[in-house]
Amino acid sequence: MSRKFEIKSMNLKFEIPDRCNNVFIVGADTYLGTHFAKYWLEENRNVYGCGTAKVLSEDLKQVHYSQSDFASWDFADKSFDWFMICLNPAMNTISYLTALKSFCDYIDQNQLSPHVCFPSSFMICESKSHKSISEECILDPHSEYEMNLAIAEQYLNMRSCHLETNLLPYVVRLGEVYGDEIQRDDATILPGMINSAWQAAIAGEPITMYGLGEKKRTFTHIADACRFVIEYLKLDFAPRKVNVPGEKMRLVEAIMAMAVQYDVETPLAAATQNNVFFNKFAGDQVLSEALAKKLIAYEPRFNFKKWLSAQEPKTAALAIG
């Protein structure tokens, strides 16, 4: 079965095959991978995935998961609506690119025609405080972590241009993603500046302030991020790149809210960490939402301060350390 479309102005008729209801997540054990798996399952999709962990948490027992070294693949006998690339960008660059290349080589060698979604980040974008970051901004990574994300965007785009491939990459850029919806048995460190500060505060540790924290960021709860991206991937004619919308907030507002909630100190960073090259709070990093709002009637369910106020304060044991 398929769906028929017609563009009368061009006298063009075509068909799109019906979706098969299957999704595969490369890096299903990572922070983004586990959350996308959770929300795809809530959409009643058949979720498959691989990662370096032996097993996923009990929350994700419905995922068809296998441990992988990202060097060999075996899904040519199944059809998938989407592949999601959620590799951990904290990997060293050579390992990260090797895994990405191995995946693309397998796609080409087996003549598959997948749609590939890559969750990227505002962090790799050139920051200009006087305007929002558009989908077509210049890439300007400053660390190996950011370089891996930038490499993945460019590499997938390059591979999609080869004559022997039908790979179609779609990039979704995320702002400051925060929160955790997965019941974890290990001591997993949640990625991102806000998650790191939140975990420090829960443990009774001080939250370092870089500069005055007056710069703005786009904040998006992980649940809202996943829901928006899934709605975007349901579109028949999605643009190849889109910013995930969120809440605009000054960093000092978020840091001070956590400091008050958990009664922790907010010392200033050392002078060497506050220059233009090392200041983690430097520059506004606000994503443009124009395209996102044009595509999807998106209503976020989470507000950062309301979410934070609902979190459990640290226990006496945690406060002692």
Protein backbone atom coordinates (compact mmCIF):
# COMPACT_ATOMS: atom_id res chain seq x y z
CA MET A 1 0.00 0.00 0.00
CA SER A 2 1.05 3.60 -0.50
CA ARG A 3 -0.23 7.16 -0.25
CA LYS A 4 -0.82 9.12 -3.47
CA PHE A 5 0.09 12.80 -3.86
CA GLU A 6 -0.51 15.30 -6.65
CA ILE A 7 0.97 18.75 -7.33
CA LYS A 8 -1.49 20.19 -9.83
CA SER A 9 0.57 23.27 -10.68
CA MET A 10 3.36 20.99 -11.91
CA ASN A 11 1.10 18.23 -13.26
CA LEU A 12 3.04 15.85 -11.02
CA LYS A 13 1.72 12.68 -9.39
CA PHE A 14 3.68 10.38 -7.09
CA GLU A 15 3.30 7.84 -4.30
CA ILE A 16 4.92 7.43 -0.90
CA PRO A 17 5.04 3.91 0.62
CA ASP A 18 3.12 3.41 3.85
CA ARG A 19 5.18 3.44 7.01
CA CYS A 20 6.25 0.10 8.46
CA ASN A 21 6.13 1.20 12.11
CA ASN A 22 9.77 0.27 12.83
CA VAL A 23 12.48 2.57 14.22
CA PHE A 24 16.16 1.77 14.81
CA ILE A 25 18.30 3.80 17.25
CA VAL A 26 22.09 3.68 16.95
CA GLY A 27 23.28 4.46 20.47
CA ALA A 28 20.05 3.37 22.16
CA ASP A 29 21.87 3.28 25.53
CA THR A 30 22.87 6.98 25.51
CA TYR A 31 20.98 9.82 27.18
CA LEU A 32 19.25 10.86 23.94
CA GLY A 33 18.93 7.28 22.68
CA THR A 34 17.12 6.00 25.77
CA HIS A 35 14.69 8.90 25.81
CA PHE A 36 13.87 8.68 22.13
CA ALA A 37 13.30 4.93 22.62
CA LYS A 38 10.88 5.68 25.47
CA TYR A 39 8.82 8.13 23.43
CA TRP A 40 8.82 6.06 20.25
CA LEU A 41 7.43 3.20 22.36
CA GLU A 42 4.69 5.54 23.59
CA GLU A 43 3.84 6.08 19.91
CA ASN A 44 3.32 2.30 19.63
CA ARG A 45 6.32 1.89 17.34
CA ASN A 46 8.51 -1.20 17.19
CA VAL A 47 11.81 0.11 18.53
CA TYR A 48 15.11 -1.59 17.74
CA GLY A 49 18.51 -0.41 18.79
CA CYS A 50 22.13 -1.08 19.62
CA GLY A 51 24.71 0.36 21.99
CA THR A 52 27.76 -0.42 24.05
CA ALA A 53 25.81 -1.31 27.21
CA LYS A 54 24.93 -4.97 27.81
CA VAL A 55 21.27 -4.24 28.53
CA LEU A 56 18.91 -1.29 28.78
CA SER A 57 17.00 -0.29 31.90
CA GLU A 58 13.80 -2.03 32.93
CA ASP A 59 11.82 0.94 31.52
CA LEU A 60 12.97 -0.04 28.03
CA LYS A 61 12.50 -3.81 28.10
CA GLN A 62 10.25 -3.58 25.03
CA VAL A 63 13.15 -2.33 22.89
CA HIS A 64 14.71 -4.98 20.64
CA TYR A 65 18.22 -4.21 21.81
CA SER A 66 21.66 -5.70 21.15
CA GLN A 67 25.13 -4.83 22.35
CA SER A 68 27.37 -3.52 19.57
CA ASP A 69 30.86 -2.25 18.83
CA PHE A 70 29.43 -0.21 15.91
CA ALA A 71 31.67 -2.11 13.49
CA SER A 72 29.15 -4.66 12.17
CA TRP A 73 25.43 -4.34 11.44
CA ASP A 74 22.56 -6.69 10.75
CA PHE A 75 19.23 -5.13 9.83
CA ALA A 76 19.04 -5.60 6.07
CA ASP A 77 16.20 -8.11 6.50
CA LYS A 78 13.92 -5.50 8.10
CA SER A 79 12.37 -2.24 6.96
CA PHE A 80 12.61 0.86 9.11
CA ASP A 81 10.79 4.17 8.88
CA TRP A 82 13.66 5.91 10.63
CA PHE A 83 17.19 5.37 11.82
CA MET A 84 18.28 7.70 14.61
CA ILE A 85 21.99 8.33 15.20
CA CYS A 86 22.40 8.95 18.94
CA LEU A 87 26.06 8.06 19.38
CA ASN A 88 27.70 9.50 22.48
CA PRO A 89 29.59 12.63 21.30
CA ALA A 90 31.94 12.21 24.26
CA MET A 91 33.62 9.40 22.27
CA ASN A 92 37.00 10.30 20.80
CA THR A 93 36.67 11.73 17.32
CA ILE A 94 38.30 8.82 15.46
CA SER A 95 36.00 6.26 17.12
CA TYR A 96 32.95 8.45 16.53
CA LEU A 97 33.65 8.96 12.84
CA THR A 98 34.58 5.29 12.37
CA ALA A 99 31.21 4.21 13.79
CA LEU A 100 29.38 6.70 11.59
CA LYS A 101 31.26 5.61 8.47
CA SER A 102 30.65 1.93 9.26
CA PHE A 103 26.89 2.57 9.47
CA CYS A 104 26.80 4.52 6.19
CA ASP A 105 28.93 1.89 4.41
CA TYR A 106 26.50 -0.82 5.49
CA ILE A 107 23.55 1.23 4.20
CA ASP A 108 25.22 1.64 0.81
CA GLN A 109 26.48 -1.93 0.50
CA ASN A 110 23.00 -3.32 1.16
CA GLN A 111 21.30 -0.73 -1.09
CA LEU A 112 18.98 0.43 1.66
CA SER A 113 17.03 3.68 1.34
CA PRO A 114 16.66 4.94 4.91
CA HIS A 115 15.67 8.26 6.39
CA VAL A 116 18.27 9.09 9.05
CA CYS A 117 17.66 11.54 11.90
CA PHE A 118 20.63 13.08 13.68
CA PRO A 119 20.01 15.02 16.93
CA SER A 120 22.61 17.79 17.00
CA SER A 121 23.14 20.83 19.23
CA PHE A 122 23.20 24.62 19.34
CA MET A 123 26.72 24.31 20.79
CA ILE A 124 28.33 23.78 17.38
CA CYS A 125 26.81 26.97 15.95
CA GLU A 126 28.43 30.36 15.59
CA SER A 127 27.06 32.63 18.29
CA LYS A 128 25.96 36.19 17.51
CA SER A 129 24.27 37.75 20.50
CA HIS A 130 22.22 40.17 18.44
CA LYS A 131 20.21 37.49 16.63
CA SER A 132 18.87 33.95 16.96
CA ILE A 133 20.68 30.94 15.54
CA SER A 134 19.06 29.90 12.25
CA GLU A 135 19.08 26.46 10.64
CA GLU A 136 21.65 27.71 8.15
CA CYS A 137 24.14 29.15 10.63
CA ILE A 138 27.90 28.69 10.31
CA LEU A 139 29.34 25.77 12.29
CA ASP A 140 31.92 26.85 14.87
CA PRO A 141 32.83 23.95 17.24
CA HIS A 142 35.24 24.63 20.13
CA SER A 143 35.85 21.17 21.63
CA GLU A 144 36.15 17.54 20.58
CA TYR A 145 32.61 16.96 21.86
CA GLU A 146 31.27 19.73 19.63
CA MET A 147 33.54 18.69 16.78
CA ASN A 148 31.96 15.22 16.75
CA LEU A 149 28.49 16.72 16.32
CA ALA A 150 29.68 19.05 13.57
CA ILE A 151 31.49 16.18 11.81
CA ALA A 152 28.36 14.03 11.93
CA GLU A 153 26.19 16.76 10.38
CA GLN A 154 28.67 17.36 7.57
CA TYR A 155 29.54 13.70 7.03
CA LEU A 156 25.92 12.58 6.71
CA ASN A 157 25.25 15.43 4.32
CA MET A 158 28.31 14.49 2.25
CA ARG A 159 27.31 10.81 2.10
CA SER A 160 23.79 11.73 1.02
CA CYS A 161 25.26 13.41 -2.08
CA HIS A 162 26.96 10.24 -3.36
CA LEU A 163 25.44 8.68 -6.47
CA GLU A 164 25.48 5.16 -5.02
CA THR A 165 23.43 6.02 -1.92
CA ASN A 166 19.80 6.76 -1.08
CA LEU A 167 20.61 7.93 2.44
CA LEU A 168 18.52 10.95 3.48
CA PRO A 169 19.77 12.68 6.65
CA TYR A 170 17.60 15.00 8.74
CA VAL A 171 19.23 17.18 11.41
CA VAL A 172 17.42 18.40 14.53
CA ARG A 173 19.31 20.94 16.61
CA LEU A 174 18.64 20.98 20.34
CA GLY A 175 19.21 23.77 22.87
CA GLU A 176 20.01 23.19 26.57
CA VAL A 177 18.21 19.87 27.11
CA TYR A 178 17.51 19.06 30.74
CA GLY A 179 15.74 16.43 32.85
CA ASP A 180 15.67 12.64 32.99
CA GLU A 181 12.67 10.38 32.36
CA ILE A 182 14.46 7.01 32.63
CA GLN A 183 14.78 4.99 35.83
CA ARG A 184 18.51 4.27 35.92
CA ASP A 185 20.28 1.66 38.04
CA ASP A 186 23.77 3.05 37.49
CA ALA A 187 25.44 6.35 38.31
CA THR A 188 25.04 7.74 34.79
CA ILE A 189 26.18 11.33 34.36
CA LEU A 190 23.53 13.25 32.46
CA PRO A 191 25.03 15.42 29.70
CA GLY A 192 24.60 19.15 29.28
CA MET A 193 25.44 22.21 31.36
CA ILE A 194 22.09 22.39 33.15
CA ASN A 195 21.90 18.66 33.90
CA SER A 196 25.45 18.75 35.27
CA ALA A 197 24.60 21.72 37.50
CA TRP A 198 21.38 20.02 38.62
CA GLN A 199 23.21 16.81 39.57
CA ALA A 200 25.86 18.80 41.45
CA ALA A 201 23.15 20.65 43.37
CA ILE A 202 21.36 17.40 44.25
CA ALA A 203 24.64 16.12 45.72
CA GLY A 204 25.01 19.30 47.76
CA GLU A 205 27.91 20.57 45.68
CA PRO A 206 28.37 24.22 44.63
CA ILE A 207 27.33 25.35 41.14
CA THR A 208 30.06 27.35 39.46
CA MET A 209 29.04 30.67 37.89
CA TYR A 210 30.97 31.73 34.79
CA GLY A 211 30.77 35.49 34.58
CA LEU A 212 27.44 37.05 35.52
CA GLY A 213 25.30 34.53 33.63
CA GLU A 214 23.38 37.26 31.81
CA LYS A 215 23.49 35.46 28.46
CA LYS A 216 20.43 33.58 27.20
CA ARG A 217 19.96 29.99 26.11
CA THR A 218 17.11 27.95 24.67
CA PHE A 219 16.02 25.43 27.34
CA THR A 220 14.01 22.32 26.38
CA HIS A 221 12.96 19.49 28.66
CA ILE A 222 14.01 16.12 27.26
CA ALA A 223 10.37 14.96 27.05
CA ASP A 224 9.36 18.03 25.03
CA ALA A 225 12.41 17.60 22.78
CA CYS A 226 11.55 13.98 22.01
CA ARG A 227 7.88 14.71 21.38
CA PHE A 228 8.66 17.57 19.01
CA VAL A 229 11.24 15.57 17.04
CA ILE A 230 8.88 12.60 16.67
CA GLU A 231 6.12 14.88 15.35
CA TYR A 232 8.64 16.37 12.93
CA LEU A 233 9.64 12.91 11.70
CA LYS A 234 6.00 12.03 11.05
CA LEU A 235 5.76 14.76 8.40
CA ASP A 236 5.63 13.53 4.81
CA PHE A 237 7.71 16.45 3.55
CA ALA A 238 9.95 17.54 6.40
CA PRO A 239 12.78 20.01 5.73
CA ARG A 240 16.22 18.49 6.13
CA LYS A 241 17.14 20.62 9.14
CA VAL A 242 15.11 22.17 11.95
CA ASN A 243 15.70 23.79 15.34
CA VAL A 244 13.83 22.26 18.27
CA PRO A 245 11.95 25.08 20.05
CA GLY A 246 12.12 25.76 23.76
CA GLU A 247 12.03 28.29 26.56
CA LYS A 248 14.32 31.35 26.47
CA MET A 249 16.08 32.01 29.76
CA ARG A 250 19.12 33.75 31.17
CA LEU A 251 21.64 31.31 32.63
CA VAL A 252 21.74 33.12 35.96
CA GLU A 253 18.00 32.49 36.37
CA ALA A 254 18.48 28.74 36.01
CA ILE A 255 21.59 28.57 38.19
CA MET A 256 20.10 30.66 41.01
CA ALA A 257 16.84 28.70 40.93
CA MET A 258 18.81 25.47 41.46
CA ALA A 259 20.98 27.07 44.15
CA VAL A 260 17.89 28.16 46.10
CA GLN A 261 16.07 24.85 45.60
CA TYR A 262 18.99 22.79 46.91
CA ASP A 263 20.61 25.39 49.22
CA VAL A 264 24.05 25.31 47.60
CA GLU A 265 26.69 27.96 46.92
CA THR A 266 27.31 29.59 43.52
CA PRO A 267 31.01 30.57 43.50
CA LEU A 268 32.47 32.49 40.58
CA ALA A 269 34.78 30.59 38.24
CA ALA A 270 38.50 31.33 38.28
CA ALA A 271 39.70 34.26 36.18
CA THR A 272 41.30 31.87 33.67
CA GLN A 273 37.90 30.27 33.08
CA ASN A 274 36.11 33.55 32.46
CA ASN A 275 37.86 34.76 29.35
CA VAL A 276 36.22 34.67 25.94
CA PHE A 277 37.71 31.27 25.07
CA PHE A 278 36.85 29.38 28.26
CA ASN A 279 33.70 31.02 29.58
CA LYS A 280 30.94 28.38 29.35
CA PHE A 281 28.33 31.11 29.66
CA ALA A 282 29.73 33.32 26.88
CA GLY A 283 27.41 34.55 24.14
CA ASP A 284 23.68 34.12 23.64
CA GLN A 285 22.77 30.72 22.21
CA VAL A 286 19.11 31.15 21.31
CA LEU A 287 17.65 29.01 18.55
CA SER A 288 15.30 30.46 15.95
CA GLU A 289 11.85 28.87 16.17
CA ALA A 290 10.30 30.26 12.99
CA LEU A 291 10.54 27.10 10.91
CA ALA A 292 9.54 24.81 13.78
CA LYS A 293 6.37 26.76 14.49
CA LYS A 294 5.51 26.83 10.80
CA LEU A 295 5.75 23.04 10.63
CA ILE A 296 4.17 21.89 13.89
CA ALA A 297 1.68 23.28 16.38
CA TYR A 298 4.08 22.68 19.24
CA GLU A 299 3.11 23.38 22.84
CA PRO A 300 5.81 22.57 25.41
CA ARG A 301 4.56 20.81 28.53
CA PHE A 302 7.46 21.80 30.75
CA ASN A 303 8.57 25.11 32.23
CA PHE A 304 12.04 24.96 33.77
CA LYS A 305 11.24 26.64 37.11
CA LYS A 306 8.00 24.70 37.60
CA TRP A 307 9.81 21.46 36.73
CA LEU A 308 12.61 22.30 39.17
CA SER A 309 10.22 23.12 42.01
CA ALA A 310 8.67 19.66 41.61
CA GLN A 311 12.02 17.88 42.02
CA GLU A 312 12.95 16.29 45.32
CA PRO A 313 15.30 18.42 47.47
CA LYS A 314 18.52 16.74 48.56
CA THR A 315 18.34 14.41 51.55
CA ALA A 316 20.48 14.84 54.68
CA ALA A 317 22.65 11.92 53.51
CA LEU A 318 23.30 13.56 50.17
CA ALA A 319 24.00 16.90 51.80
CA ILE A 320 26.69 15.33 53.97
CA GLY A 321 28.16 13.64 50.88
